[in-house]
Amino acid sequence: MSSTNMLTKYCPNYYKITEFEFLESDYISDRLVGFYKKYVCNLDINDPEEIKKATCVDKIIAKYIDDYTFRKEMKKELLQIRVKSTVSNALKVIIDNIISIFEKYQEFATRKIEIARWI
């Protein structure tokens, strides 16, 4: 399978993400898209767990581009990530944190709201 077919199959938002134009001063978006490109381009297509994670990250970064509220929250949370210098694969740690931030955001954004009944 060619790399272009692989990208469109597992990461349908690849071109949308890599061609996203953000402000020159938006260092966080620049780094986030850079992490995404590096992760997707070094993807092991023989590892189903990595494919699943790449598809998830693709969806998350696409939401980052489309949803201002999520982008604002993601930027705030990304500034809190600390990667120890002893870690052998810093990119994996960052990707795992991005997924974790998204899961927390989803939980917060879709939490069940109970309506009180007036007596």
PDB file of N, CA and C in Angstrom:
ATOM      1  N   MET A   1       0.853  -1.167   0.000  1.00  0.00           N
ATOM      2  CA  MET A   1       0.000   0.000   0.000  1.00  0.00           C
ATOM      3  C   MET A   1       0.905   1.238   0.000  1.00  0.00           C
ATOM      4  N   SER A   2       0.605   2.186  -0.881  1.00  0.00           N
ATOM      5  CA  SER A   2       1.421   3.392  -0.950  1.00  0.00           C
ATOM      6  C   SER A   2       1.198   4.251   0.292  1.00  0.00           C
ATOM      7  N   SER A   3       2.143   5.142   0.538  1.00  0.00           N
ATOM      8  CA  SER A   3       2.023   5.984   1.729  1.00  0.00           C
ATOM      9  C   SER A   3       0.832   6.929   1.630  1.00  0.00           C
ATOM     10  N   THR A   4       0.474   7.374   0.418  1.00  0.00           N
ATOM     11  CA  THR A   4      -0.691   8.254   0.250  1.00  0.00           C
ATOM     12  C   THR A   4      -1.977   7.511   0.582  1.00  0.00           C
ATOM     13  N   ASN A   5      -2.101   6.268   0.108  1.00  0.00           N
ATOM     14  CA  ASN A   5      -3.282   5.462   0.421  1.00  0.00           C
ATOM     15  C   ASN A   5      -3.373   5.176   1.913  1.00  0.00           C
ATOM     16  N   MET A   6      -2.221   4.916   2.535  1.00  0.00           N
ATOM     17  CA  MET A   6      -2.196   4.658   3.970  1.00  0.00           C
ATOM     18  C   MET A   6      -2.682   5.885   4.732  1.00  0.00           C
ATOM     19  N   LEU A   7      -2.218   7.059   4.320  1.00  0.00           N
ATOM     20  CA  LEU A   7      -2.621   8.293   4.999  1.00  0.00           C
ATOM     21  C   LEU A   7      -4.125   8.516   4.903  1.00  0.00           C
ATOM     22  N   THR A   8      -4.678   8.350   3.716  1.00  0.00           N
ATOM     23  CA  THR A   8      -6.111   8.606   3.556  1.00  0.00           C
ATOM     24  C   THR A   8      -6.958   7.528   4.220  1.00  0.00           C
ATOM     25  N   LYS A   9      -6.420   6.329   4.344  1.00  0.00           N
ATOM     26  CA  LYS A   9      -7.174   5.252   4.980  1.00  0.00           C
ATOM     27  C   LYS A   9      -7.208   5.404   6.498  1.00  0.00           C
ATOM     28  N   TYR A  10      -6.056   5.610   7.118  1.00  0.00           N
ATOM     29  CA  TYR A  10      -5.971   5.658   8.578  1.00  0.00           C
ATOM     30  C   TYR A  10      -6.056   7.071   9.150  1.00  0.00           C
ATOM     31  N   CYS A  11      -5.677   8.051   8.362  1.00  0.00           N
ATOM     32  CA  CYS A  11      -5.672   9.447   8.819  1.00  0.00           C
ATOM     33  C   CYS A  11      -6.347  10.325   7.763  1.00  0.00           C
ATOM     34  N   PRO A  12      -7.655  10.251   7.689  1.00  0.00           N
ATOM     35  CA  PRO A  12      -8.374  10.970   6.625  1.00  0.00           C
ATOM     36  C   PRO A  12      -8.251  12.493   6.703  1.00  0.00           C
ATOM     37  N   ASN A  13      -7.854  13.010   7.845  1.00  0.00           N
ATOM     38  CA  ASN A  13      -7.718  14.462   8.011  1.00  0.00           C
ATOM     39  C   ASN A  13      -6.285  14.950   7.839  1.00  0.00           C
ATOM     40  N   TYR A  14      -5.401  14.102   7.345  1.00  0.00           N
ATOM     41  CA  TYR A  14      -3.980  14.444   7.259  1.00  0.00           C
ATOM     42  C   TYR A  14      -3.744  15.754   6.517  1.00  0.00           C
ATOM     43  N   TYR A  15      -4.293  15.882   5.331  1.00  0.00           N
ATOM     44  CA  TYR A  15      -4.040  17.080   4.528  1.00  0.00           C
ATOM     45  C   TYR A  15      -4.702  18.312   5.133  1.00  0.00           C
ATOM     46  N   LYS A  16      -5.859  18.140   5.710  1.00  0.00           N
ATOM     47  CA  LYS A  16      -6.538  19.245   6.399  1.00  0.00           C
ATOM     48  C   LYS A  16      -5.651  19.766   7.539  1.00  0.00           C
ATOM     49  N   ILE A  17      -5.060  18.841   8.271  1.00  0.00           N
ATOM     50  CA  ILE A  17      -4.231  19.198   9.432  1.00  0.00           C
ATOM     51  C   ILE A  17      -2.905  19.810   8.995  1.00  0.00           C
ATOM     52  N   THR A  18      -2.219  19.168   8.057  1.00  0.00           N
ATOM     53  CA  THR A  18      -0.896  19.645   7.666  1.00  0.00           C
ATOM     54  C   THR A  18      -0.956  20.949   6.875  1.00  0.00           C
ATOM     55  N   GLU A  19      -2.087  21.247   6.270  1.00  0.00           N
ATOM     56  CA  GLU A  19      -2.231  22.489   5.509  1.00  0.00           C
ATOM     57  C   GLU A  19      -2.951  23.576   6.311  1.00  0.00           C
ATOM     58  N   PHE A  20      -3.239  23.300   7.571  1.00  0.00           N
ATOM     59  CA  PHE A  20      -3.909  24.270   8.433  1.00  0.00           C
ATOM     60  C   PHE A  20      -3.005  25.487   8.623  1.00  0.00           C
ATOM     61  N   GLU A  21      -3.566  26.667   8.368  1.00  0.00           N
ATOM     62  CA  GLU A  21      -2.801  27.905   8.527  1.00  0.00           C
ATOM     63  C   GLU A  21      -3.181  28.564   9.839  1.00  0.00           C
ATOM     64  N   PHE A  22      -2.214  28.712  10.706  1.00  0.00           N
ATOM     65  CA  PHE A  22      -2.426  29.354  11.992  1.00  0.00           C
ATOM     66  C   PHE A  22      -1.529  30.582  12.059  1.00  0.00           C
ATOM     67  N   LEU A  23      -1.756  31.407  13.033  1.00  0.00           N
ATOM     68  CA  LEU A  23      -0.948  32.613  13.184  1.00  0.00           C
ATOM     69  C   LEU A  23       0.519  32.254  13.394  1.00  0.00           C
ATOM     70  N   GLU A  24       1.382  33.080  12.875  1.00  0.00           N
ATOM     71  CA  GLU A  24       2.815  32.834  13.006  1.00  0.00           C
ATOM     72  C   GLU A  24       3.242  32.781  14.470  1.00  0.00           C
ATOM     73  N   SER A  25       2.556  33.530  15.309  1.00  0.00           N
ATOM     74  CA  SER A  25       2.889  33.566  16.730  1.00  0.00           C
ATOM     75  C   SER A  25       2.282  32.403  17.524  1.00  0.00           C
ATOM     76  N   ASP A  26       1.504  31.559  16.853  1.00  0.00           N
ATOM     77  CA  ASP A  26       0.855  30.424  17.520  1.00  0.00           C
ATOM     78  C   ASP A  26       1.817  29.237  17.576  1.00  0.00           C
ATOM     79  N   TYR A  27       2.743  29.321  18.504  1.00  0.00           N
ATOM     80  CA  TYR A  27       3.788  28.313  18.665  1.00  0.00           C
ATOM     81  C   TYR A  27       3.206  26.939  19.021  1.00  0.00           C
ATOM     82  N   ILE A  28       2.170  26.929  19.819  1.00  0.00           N
ATOM     83  CA  ILE A  28       1.600  25.654  20.280  1.00  0.00           C
ATOM     84  C   ILE A  28       0.990  24.882  19.107  1.00  0.00           C
ATOM     85  N   SER A  29       0.211  25.562  18.269  1.00  0.00           N
ATOM     86  CA  SER A  29      -0.380  24.886  17.099  1.00  0.00           C
ATOM     87  C   SER A  29       0.709  24.380  16.166  1.00  0.00           C
ATOM     88  N   ASP A  30       1.749  25.169  15.983  1.00  0.00           N
ATOM     89  CA  ASP A  30       2.861  24.773  15.130  1.00  0.00           C
ATOM     90  C   ASP A  30       3.502  23.493  15.656  1.00  0.00           C
ATOM     91  N   ARG A  31       3.758  23.447  16.939  1.00  0.00           N
ATOM     92  CA  ARG A  31       4.368  22.259  17.548  1.00  0.00           C
ATOM     93  C   ARG A  31       3.431  21.049  17.485  1.00  0.00           C
ATOM     94  N   LEU A  32       2.133  21.288  17.743  1.00  0.00           N
ATOM     95  CA  LEU A  32       1.157  20.202  17.733  1.00  0.00           C
ATOM     96  C   LEU A  32       1.068  19.556  16.351  1.00  0.00           C
ATOM     97  N   VAL A  33       1.002  20.373  15.316  1.00  0.00           N
ATOM     98  CA  VAL A  33       0.959  19.842  13.948  1.00  0.00           C
ATOM     99  C   VAL A  33       2.279  19.130  13.625  1.00  0.00           C
ATOM    100  N   GLY A  34       3.381  19.659  14.121  1.00  0.00           N
ATOM    101  CA  GLY A  34       4.672  19.003  13.922  1.00  0.00           C
ATOM    102  C   GLY A  34       4.733  17.628  14.586  1.00  0.00           C
ATOM    103  N   PHE A  35       4.228  17.538  15.805  1.00  0.00           N
ATOM    104  CA  PHE A  35       4.172  16.241  16.492  1.00  0.00           C
ATOM    105  C   PHE A  35       3.298  15.267  15.716  1.00  0.00           C
ATOM    106  N   TYR A  36       2.164  15.766  15.231  1.00  0.00           N
ATOM    107  CA  TYR A  36       1.236  14.926  14.455  1.00  0.00           C
ATOM    108  C   TYR A  36       1.937  14.374  13.212  1.00  0.00           C
ATOM    109  N   LYS A  37       2.577  15.246  12.437  1.00  0.00           N
ATOM    110  CA  LYS A  37       3.268  14.811  11.213  1.00  0.00           C
ATOM    111  C   LYS A  37       4.330  13.761  11.528  1.00  0.00           C
ATOM    112  N   LYS A  38       5.124  14.047  12.542  1.00  0.00           N
ATOM    113  CA  LYS A  38       6.205  13.121  12.905  1.00  0.00           C
ATOM    114  C   LYS A  38       5.643  11.764  13.324  1.00  0.00           C
ATOM    115  N   TYR A  39       4.562  11.787  14.102  1.00  0.00           N
ATOM    116  CA  TYR A  39       3.963  10.540  14.567  1.00  0.00           C
ATOM    117  C   TYR A  39       3.382   9.734  13.409  1.00  0.00           C
ATOM    118  N   VAL A  40       2.620  10.401  12.560  1.00  0.00           N
ATOM    119  CA  VAL A  40       1.951   9.709  11.457  1.00  0.00           C
ATOM    120  C   VAL A  40       2.967   9.206  10.424  1.00  0.00           C
ATOM    121  N   CYS A  41       3.987   9.989  10.153  1.00  0.00           N
ATOM    122  CA  CYS A  41       4.984   9.585   9.150  1.00  0.00           C
ATOM    123  C   CYS A  41       5.861   8.427   9.613  1.00  0.00           C
ATOM    124  N   ASN A  42       5.962   8.221  10.917  1.00  0.00           N
ATOM    125  CA  ASN A  42       6.759   7.110  11.454  1.00  0.00           C
ATOM    126  C   ASN A  42       5.896   5.959  11.951  1.00  0.00           C
ATOM    127  N   LEU A  43       4.679   5.910  11.482  1.00  0.00           N
ATOM    128  CA  LEU A  43       3.707   4.915  11.917  1.00  0.00           C
ATOM    129  C   LEU A  43       4.061   3.513  11.423  1.00  0.00           C
ATOM    130  N   ASP A  44       3.972   2.532  12.305  1.00  0.00           N
ATOM    131  CA  ASP A  44       4.177   1.131  11.927  1.00  0.00           C
ATOM    132  C   ASP A  44       2.815   0.559  11.537  1.00  0.00           C
ATOM    133  N   ILE A  45       2.582   0.391  10.237  1.00  0.00           N
ATOM    134  CA  ILE A  45       1.254  -0.050   9.778  1.00  0.00           C
ATOM    135  C   ILE A  45       0.981  -1.522  10.090  1.00  0.00           C
ATOM    136  N   ASN A  46       1.968  -2.226  10.591  1.00  0.00           N
ATOM    137  CA  ASN A  46       1.779  -3.623  10.967  1.00  0.00           C
ATOM    138  C   ASN A  46       1.338  -3.781  12.424  1.00  0.00           C
ATOM    139  N   ASP A  47       1.274  -2.675  13.148  1.00  0.00           N
ATOM    140  CA  ASP A  47       0.880  -2.696  14.552  1.00  0.00           C
ATOM    141  C   ASP A  47      -0.537  -2.121  14.690  1.00  0.00           C
ATOM    142  N   PRO A  48      -1.540  -2.987  14.922  1.00  0.00           N
ATOM    143  CA  PRO A  48      -2.928  -2.513  14.993  1.00  0.00           C
ATOM    144  C   PRO A  48      -3.165  -1.487  16.107  1.00  0.00           C
ATOM    145  N   GLU A  49      -2.413  -1.592  17.195  1.00  0.00           N
ATOM    146  CA  GLU A  49      -2.561  -0.632  18.292  1.00  0.00           C
ATOM    147  C   GLU A  49      -2.096   0.753  17.863  1.00  0.00           C
ATOM    148  N   GLU A  50      -1.003   0.806  17.123  1.00  0.00           N
ATOM    149  CA  GLU A  50      -0.509   2.092  16.622  1.00  0.00           C
ATOM    150  C   GLU A  50      -1.464   2.686  15.604  1.00  0.00           C
ATOM    151  N   ILE A  51      -2.051   1.854  14.764  1.00  0.00           N
ATOM    152  CA  ILE A  51      -3.021   2.322  13.762  1.00  0.00           C
ATOM    153  C   ILE A  51      -4.220   2.940  14.476  1.00  0.00           C
ATOM    154  N   LYS A  52      -4.696   2.250  15.498  1.00  0.00           N
ATOM    155  CA  LYS A  52      -5.840   2.751  16.270  1.00  0.00           C
ATOM    156  C   LYS A  52      -5.512   4.102  16.909  1.00  0.00           C
ATOM    157  N   LYS A  53      -4.319   4.202  17.487  1.00  0.00           N
ATOM    158  CA  LYS A  53      -3.897   5.440  18.138  1.00  0.00           C
ATOM    159  C   LYS A  53      -3.739   6.567  17.115  1.00  0.00           C
ATOM    160  N   ALA A  54      -3.190   6.259  15.948  1.00  0.00           N
ATOM    161  CA  ALA A  54      -3.003   7.271  14.899  1.00  0.00           C
ATOM    162  C   ALA A  54      -4.345   7.796  14.399  1.00  0.00           C
ATOM    163  N   THR A  55      -5.310   6.905  14.246  1.00  0.00           N
ATOM    164  CA  THR A  55      -6.649   7.314  13.816  1.00  0.00           C
ATOM    165  C   THR A  55      -7.284   8.218  14.862  1.00  0.00           C
ATOM    166  N   CYS A  56      -7.083   7.891  16.113  1.00  0.00           N
ATOM    167  CA  CYS A  56      -7.603   8.699  17.218  1.00  0.00           C
ATOM    168  C   CYS A  56      -6.948  10.079  17.230  1.00  0.00           C
ATOM    169  N   VAL A  57      -5.641  10.131  17.091  1.00  0.00           N
ATOM    170  CA  VAL A  57      -4.919  11.406  17.083  1.00  0.00           C
ATOM    171  C   VAL A  57      -5.355  12.249  15.892  1.00  0.00           C
ATOM    172  N   ASP A  58      -5.583  11.612  14.758  1.00  0.00           N
ATOM    173  CA  ASP A  58      -6.060  12.319  13.564  1.00  0.00           C
ATOM    174  C   ASP A  58      -7.396  13.005  13.856  1.00  0.00           C
ATOM    175  N   LYS A  59      -8.282  12.285  14.495  1.00  0.00           N
ATOM    176  CA  LYS A  59      -9.593  12.839  14.854  1.00  0.00           C
ATOM    177  C   LYS A  59      -9.455  13.985  15.858  1.00  0.00           C
ATOM    178  N   ILE A  60      -8.558  13.831  16.812  1.00  0.00           N
ATOM    179  CA  ILE A  60      -8.356  14.846  17.848  1.00  0.00           C
ATOM    180  C   ILE A  60      -7.803  16.140  17.254  1.00  0.00           C
ATOM    181  N   ILE A  61      -6.796  16.036  16.412  1.00  0.00           N
ATOM    182  CA  ILE A  61      -6.195  17.243  15.835  1.00  0.00           C
ATOM    183  C   ILE A  61      -7.169  17.918  14.874  1.00  0.00           C
ATOM    184  N   ALA A  62      -7.988  17.145  14.174  1.00  0.00           N
ATOM    185  CA  ALA A  62      -9.017  17.736  13.312  1.00  0.00           C
ATOM    186  C   ALA A  62     -10.024  18.516  14.158  1.00  0.00           C
ATOM    187  N   LYS A  63     -10.388  17.969  15.308  1.00  0.00           N
ATOM    188  CA  LYS A  63     -11.289  18.683  16.219  1.00  0.00           C
ATOM    189  C   LYS A  63     -10.613  19.943  16.746  1.00  0.00           C
ATOM    190  N   TYR A  64      -9.339  19.872  17.008  1.00  0.00           N
ATOM    191  CA  TYR A  64      -8.563  21.023  17.464  1.00  0.00           C
ATOM    192  C   TYR A  64      -8.677  22.164  16.439  1.00  0.00           C
ATOM    193  N   ILE A  65      -8.615  21.824  15.186  1.00  0.00           N
ATOM    194  CA  ILE A  65      -8.704  22.822  14.118  1.00  0.00           C
ATOM    195  C   ILE A  65     -10.116  23.393  14.011  1.00  0.00           C
ATOM    196  N   ASP A  66     -11.118  22.540  14.137  1.00  0.00           N
ATOM    197  CA  ASP A  66     -12.514  22.946  13.903  1.00  0.00           C
ATOM    198  C   ASP A  66     -13.206  23.582  15.097  1.00  0.00           C
ATOM    199  N   ASP A  67     -12.788  23.253  16.301  1.00  0.00           N
ATOM    200  CA  ASP A  67     -13.518  23.654  17.509  1.00  0.00           C
ATOM    201  C   ASP A  67     -12.676  24.615  18.359  1.00  0.00           C
ATOM    202  N   TYR A  68     -13.075  25.882  18.358  1.00  0.00           N
ATOM    203  CA  TYR A  68     -12.317  26.905  19.091  1.00  0.00           C
ATOM    204  C   TYR A  68     -12.254  26.604  20.588  1.00  0.00           C
ATOM    205  N   THR A  69     -13.359  26.176  21.163  1.00  0.00           N
ATOM    206  CA  THR A  69     -13.400  25.889  22.600  1.00  0.00           C
ATOM    207  C   THR A  69     -12.430  24.760  22.950  1.00  0.00           C
ATOM    208  N   PHE A  70     -12.431  23.719  22.143  1.00  0.00           N
ATOM    209  CA  PHE A  70     -11.508  22.606  22.370  1.00  0.00           C
ATOM    210  C   PHE A  70     -10.063  23.064  22.183  1.00  0.00           C
ATOM    211  N   ARG A  71      -9.809  23.883  21.173  1.00  0.00           N
ATOM    212  CA  ARG A  71      -8.459  24.379  20.919  1.00  0.00           C
ATOM    213  C   ARG A  71      -7.935  25.160  22.120  1.00  0.00           C
ATOM    214  N   LYS A  72      -8.789  25.993  22.666  1.00  0.00           N
ATOM    215  CA  LYS A  72      -8.403  26.802  23.829  1.00  0.00           C
ATOM    216  C   LYS A  72      -8.054  25.897  25.017  1.00  0.00           C
ATOM    217  N   GLU A  73      -8.889  24.901  25.274  1.00  0.00           N
ATOM    218  CA  GLU A  73      -8.648  23.970  26.378  1.00  0.00           C
ATOM    219  C   GLU A  73      -7.388  23.131  26.135  1.00  0.00           C
ATOM    220  N   MET A  74      -7.220  22.670  24.896  1.00  0.00           N
ATOM    221  CA  MET A  74      -6.053  21.851  24.556  1.00  0.00           C
ATOM    222  C   MET A  74      -4.762  22.651  24.750  1.00  0.00           C
ATOM    223  N   LYS A  75      -4.754  23.895  24.311  1.00  0.00           N
ATOM    224  CA  LYS A  75      -3.558  24.721  24.492  1.00  0.00           C
ATOM    225  C   LYS A  75      -3.211  24.875  25.968  1.00  0.00           C
ATOM    226  N   LYS A  76      -4.245  25.127  26.773  1.00  0.00           N
ATOM    227  CA  LYS A  76      -4.028  25.285  28.211  1.00  0.00           C
ATOM    228  C   LYS A  76      -3.437  24.012  28.815  1.00  0.00           C
ATOM    229  N   GLU A  77      -3.987  22.869  28.444  1.00  0.00           N
ATOM    230  CA  GLU A  77      -3.528  21.585  28.985  1.00  0.00           C
ATOM    231  C   GLU A  77      -2.149  21.187  28.448  1.00  0.00           C
ATOM    232  N   LEU A  78      -1.874  21.509  27.188  1.00  0.00           N
ATOM    233  CA  LEU A  78      -0.572  21.159  26.612  1.00  0.00           C
ATOM    234  C   LEU A  78       0.573  21.849  27.335  1.00  0.00           C
ATOM    235  N   LEU A  79       0.320  23.034  27.832  1.00  0.00           N
ATOM    236  CA  LEU A  79       1.359  23.759  28.568  1.00  0.00           C
ATOM    237  C   LEU A  79       1.708  23.075  29.889  1.00  0.00           C
ATOM    238  N   GLN A  80       0.840  22.184  30.353  1.00  0.00           N
ATOM    239  CA  GLN A  80       1.066  21.482  31.620  1.00  0.00           C
ATOM    240  C   GLN A  80       1.875  20.195  31.452  1.00  0.00           C
ATOM    241  N   ILE A  81       2.053  19.735  30.217  1.00  0.00           N
ATOM    242  CA  ILE A  81       2.764  18.479  29.967  1.00  0.00           C
ATOM    243  C   ILE A  81       4.246  18.651  30.270  1.00  0.00           C
ATOM    244  N   ARG A  82       4.769  17.719  31.018  1.00  0.00           N
ATOM    245  CA  ARG A  82       6.196  17.681  31.328  1.00  0.00           C
ATOM    246  C   ARG A  82       6.718  16.304  30.927  1.00  0.00           C
ATOM    247  N   VAL A  83       7.778  16.307  30.132  1.00  0.00           N
ATOM    248  CA  VAL A  83       8.396  15.056  29.698  1.00  0.00           C
ATOM    249  C   VAL A  83       9.783  14.984  30.321  1.00  0.00           C
ATOM    250  N   LYS A  84      10.015  13.938  31.064  1.00  0.00           N
ATOM    251  CA  LYS A  84      11.313  13.775  31.731  1.00  0.00           C
ATOM    252  C   LYS A  84      12.405  13.513  30.692  1.00  0.00           C
ATOM    253  N   SER A  85      13.570  13.993  30.976  1.00  0.00           N
ATOM    254  CA  SER A  85      14.687  13.830  30.043  1.00  0.00           C
ATOM    255  C   SER A  85      15.143  12.369  29.931  1.00  0.00           C
ATOM    256  N   THR A  86      14.741  11.540  30.881  1.00  0.00           N
ATOM    257  CA  THR A  86      15.140  10.134  30.861  1.00  0.00           C
ATOM    258  C   THR A  86      14.232   9.276  29.979  1.00  0.00           C
ATOM    259  N   VAL A  87      13.130   9.867  29.490  1.00  0.00           N
ATOM    260  CA  VAL A  87      12.188   9.122  28.652  1.00  0.00           C
ATOM    261  C   VAL A  87      12.821   8.867  27.288  1.00  0.00           C
ATOM    262  N   SER A  88      12.729   7.613  26.823  1.00  0.00           N
ATOM    263  CA  SER A  88      13.355   7.258  25.551  1.00  0.00           C
ATOM    264  C   SER A  88      12.524   7.686  24.340  1.00  0.00           C
ATOM    265  N   ASN A  89      11.189   7.744  24.487  1.00  0.00           N
ATOM    266  CA  ASN A  89      10.341   8.119  23.360  1.00  0.00           C
ATOM    267  C   ASN A  89       9.405   9.255  23.795  1.00  0.00           C
ATOM    268  N   ALA A  90       9.912  10.474  23.710  1.00  0.00           N
ATOM    269  CA  ALA A  90       9.150  11.647  24.150  1.00  0.00           C
ATOM    270  C   ALA A  90       7.903  11.851  23.300  1.00  0.00           C
ATOM    271  N   LEU A  91       7.978  11.548  22.006  1.00  0.00           N
ATOM    272  CA  LEU A  91       6.820  11.721  21.119  1.00  0.00           C
ATOM    273  C   LEU A  91       5.653  10.853  21.576  1.00  0.00           C
ATOM    274  N   LYS A  92       5.939   9.620  21.982  1.00  0.00           N
ATOM    275  CA  LYS A  92       4.878   8.727  22.457  1.00  0.00           C
ATOM    276  C   LYS A  92       4.217   9.304  23.711  1.00  0.00           C
ATOM    277  N   VAL A  93       5.010   9.852  24.611  1.00  0.00           N
ATOM    278  CA  VAL A  93       4.480  10.455  25.841  1.00  0.00           C
ATOM    279  C   VAL A  93       3.570  11.633  25.490  1.00  0.00           C
ATOM    280  N   ILE A  94       3.993  12.458  24.551  1.00  0.00           N
ATOM    281  CA  ILE A  94       3.199  13.617  24.147  1.00  0.00           C
ATOM    282  C   ILE A  94       1.901  13.172  23.489  1.00  0.00           C
ATOM    283  N   ILE A  95       1.960  12.194  22.597  1.00  0.00           N
ATOM    284  CA  ILE A  95       0.756  11.679  21.919  1.00  0.00           C
ATOM    285  C   ILE A  95      -0.200  11.088  22.945  1.00  0.00           C
ATOM    286  N   ASP A  96       0.311  10.323  23.888  1.00  0.00           N
ATOM    287  CA  ASP A  96      -0.544   9.748  24.938  1.00  0.00           C
ATOM    288  C   ASP A  96      -1.213  10.846  25.759  1.00  0.00           C
ATOM    289  N   ASN A  97      -0.489  11.927  26.040  1.00  0.00           N
ATOM    290  CA  ASN A  97      -1.062  13.045  26.774  1.00  0.00           C
ATOM    291  C   ASN A  97      -2.141  13.764  25.960  1.00  0.00           C
ATOM    292  N   ILE A  98      -1.934  13.898  24.666  1.00  0.00           N
ATOM    293  CA  ILE A  98      -2.941  14.523  23.798  1.00  0.00           C
ATOM    294  C   ILE A  98      -4.229  13.715  23.839  1.00  0.00           C
ATOM    295  N   ILE A  99      -4.108  12.407  23.763  1.00  0.00           N
ATOM    296  CA  ILE A  99      -5.280  11.533  23.819  1.00  0.00           C
ATOM    297  C   ILE A  99      -5.964  11.662  25.183  1.00  0.00           C
ATOM    298  N   SER A 100      -5.181  11.693  26.235  1.00  0.00           N
ATOM    299  CA  SER A 100      -5.725  11.833  27.587  1.00  0.00           C
ATOM    300  C   SER A 100      -6.463  13.168  27.759  1.00  0.00           C
ATOM    301  N   ILE A 101      -5.886  14.239  27.240  1.00  0.00           N
ATOM    302  CA  ILE A 101      -6.537  15.555  27.313  1.00  0.00           C
ATOM    303  C   ILE A 101      -7.871  15.517  26.583  1.00  0.00           C
ATOM    304  N   PHE A 102      -7.890  14.892  25.418  1.00  0.00           N
ATOM    305  CA  PHE A 102      -9.125  14.792  24.640  1.00  0.00           C
ATOM    306  C   PHE A 102     -10.183  13.991  25.400  1.00  0.00           C
ATOM    307  N   GLU A 103      -9.781  12.884  25.991  1.00  0.00           N
ATOM    308  CA  GLU A 103     -10.737  12.058  26.734  1.00  0.00           C
ATOM    309  C   GLU A 103     -11.327  12.825  27.917  1.00  0.00           C
ATOM    310  N   LYS A 104     -10.492  13.586  28.619  1.00  0.00           N
ATOM    311  CA  LYS A 104     -10.989  14.407  29.736  1.00  0.00           C
ATOM    312  C   LYS A 104     -11.941  15.484  29.232  1.00  0.00           C
ATOM    313  N   TYR A 105     -11.606  16.078  28.102  1.00  0.00           N
ATOM    314  CA  TYR A 105     -12.463  17.118  27.524  1.00  0.00           C
ATOM    315  C   TYR A 105     -13.818  16.522  27.120  1.00  0.00           C
ATOM    316  N   GLN A 106     -13.788  15.360  26.489  1.00  0.00           N
ATOM    317  CA  GLN A 106     -15.033  14.696  26.086  1.00  0.00           C
ATOM    318  C   GLN A 106     -15.897  14.399  27.299  1.00  0.00           C
ATOM    319  N   GLU A 107     -15.277  13.925  28.351  1.00  0.00           N
ATOM    320  CA  GLU A 107     -16.002  13.600  29.575  1.00  0.00           C
ATOM    321  C   GLU A 107     -16.635  14.859  30.169  1.00  0.00           C
ATOM    322  N   PHE A 108     -15.887  15.943  30.181  1.00  0.00           N
ATOM    323  CA  PHE A 108     -16.391  17.210  30.708  1.00  0.00           C
ATOM    324  C   PHE A 108     -17.494  17.785  29.819  1.00  0.00           C
ATOM    325  N   ALA A 109     -17.281  17.760  28.513  1.00  0.00           N
ATOM    326  CA  ALA A 109     -18.213  18.376  27.564  1.00  0.00           C
ATOM    327  C   ALA A 109     -19.519  17.594  27.430  1.00  0.00           C
ATOM    328  N   THR A 110     -19.457  16.303  27.682  1.00  0.00           N
ATOM    329  CA  THR A 110     -20.645  15.477  27.489  1.00  0.00           C
ATOM    330  C   THR A 110     -21.172  14.895  28.786  1.00  0.00           C
ATOM    331  N   ARG A 111     -20.751  15.488  29.909  1.00  0.00           N
ATOM    332  CA  ARG A 111     -21.214  14.924  31.177  1.00  0.00           C
ATOM    333  C   ARG A 111     -22.737  15.019  31.265  1.00  0.00           C
ATOM    334  N   LYS A 112     -23.285  14.101  31.966  1.00  0.00           N
ATOM    335  CA  LYS A 112     -24.733  14.004  32.084  1.00  0.00           C
ATOM    336  C   LYS A 112     -25.251  15.095  33.019  1.00  0.00           C
ATOM    337  N   ILE A 113     -26.175  15.855  32.512  1.00  0.00           N
ATOM    338  CA  ILE A 113     -26.770  16.922  33.299  1.00  0.00           C
ATOM    339  C   ILE A 113     -28.196  16.490  33.653  1.00  0.00           C
ATOM    340  N   GLU A 114     -28.444  16.412  34.938  1.00  0.00           N
ATOM    341  CA  GLU A 114     -29.760  16.022  35.395  1.00  0.00           C
ATOM    342  C   GLU A 114     -30.612  17.275  35.635  1.00  0.00           C
ATOM    343  N   ILE A 115     -31.831  17.225  35.178  1.00  0.00           N
ATOM    344  CA  ILE A 115     -32.746  18.345  35.356  1.00  0.00           C
ATOM    345  C   ILE A 115     -33.570  18.080  36.599  1.00  0.00           C
ATOM    346  N   ALA A 116     -33.537  19.061  37.507  1.00  0.00           N
ATOM    347  CA  ALA A 116     -34.296  18.920  38.745  1.00  0.00           C
ATOM    348  C   ALA A 116     -35.793  19.080  38.452  1.00  0.00           C
ATOM    349  N   ARG A 117     -36.567  18.354  39.137  1.00  0.00           N
ATOM    350  CA  ARG A 117     -38.006  18.432  38.970  1.00  0.00           C
ATOM    351  C   ARG A 117     -38.558  19.393  40.026  1.00  0.00           C
ATOM    352  N   TRP A 118     -39.294  20.391  39.571  1.00  0.00           N
ATOM    353  CA  TRP A 118     -39.877  21.368  40.481  1.00  0.00           C
ATOM    354  C   TRP A 118     -41.153  20.803  41.075  1.00  0.00           C
ATOM    355  N   ILE A 119     -41.297  20.943  42.340  1.00  0.00           N
ATOM    356  CA  ILE A 119     -42.481  20.412  43.024  1.00  0.00           C
ATOM    357  C   ILE A 119     -43.506  21.501  43.200  1.00  0.00           C
TER     358      ILE A 119
END
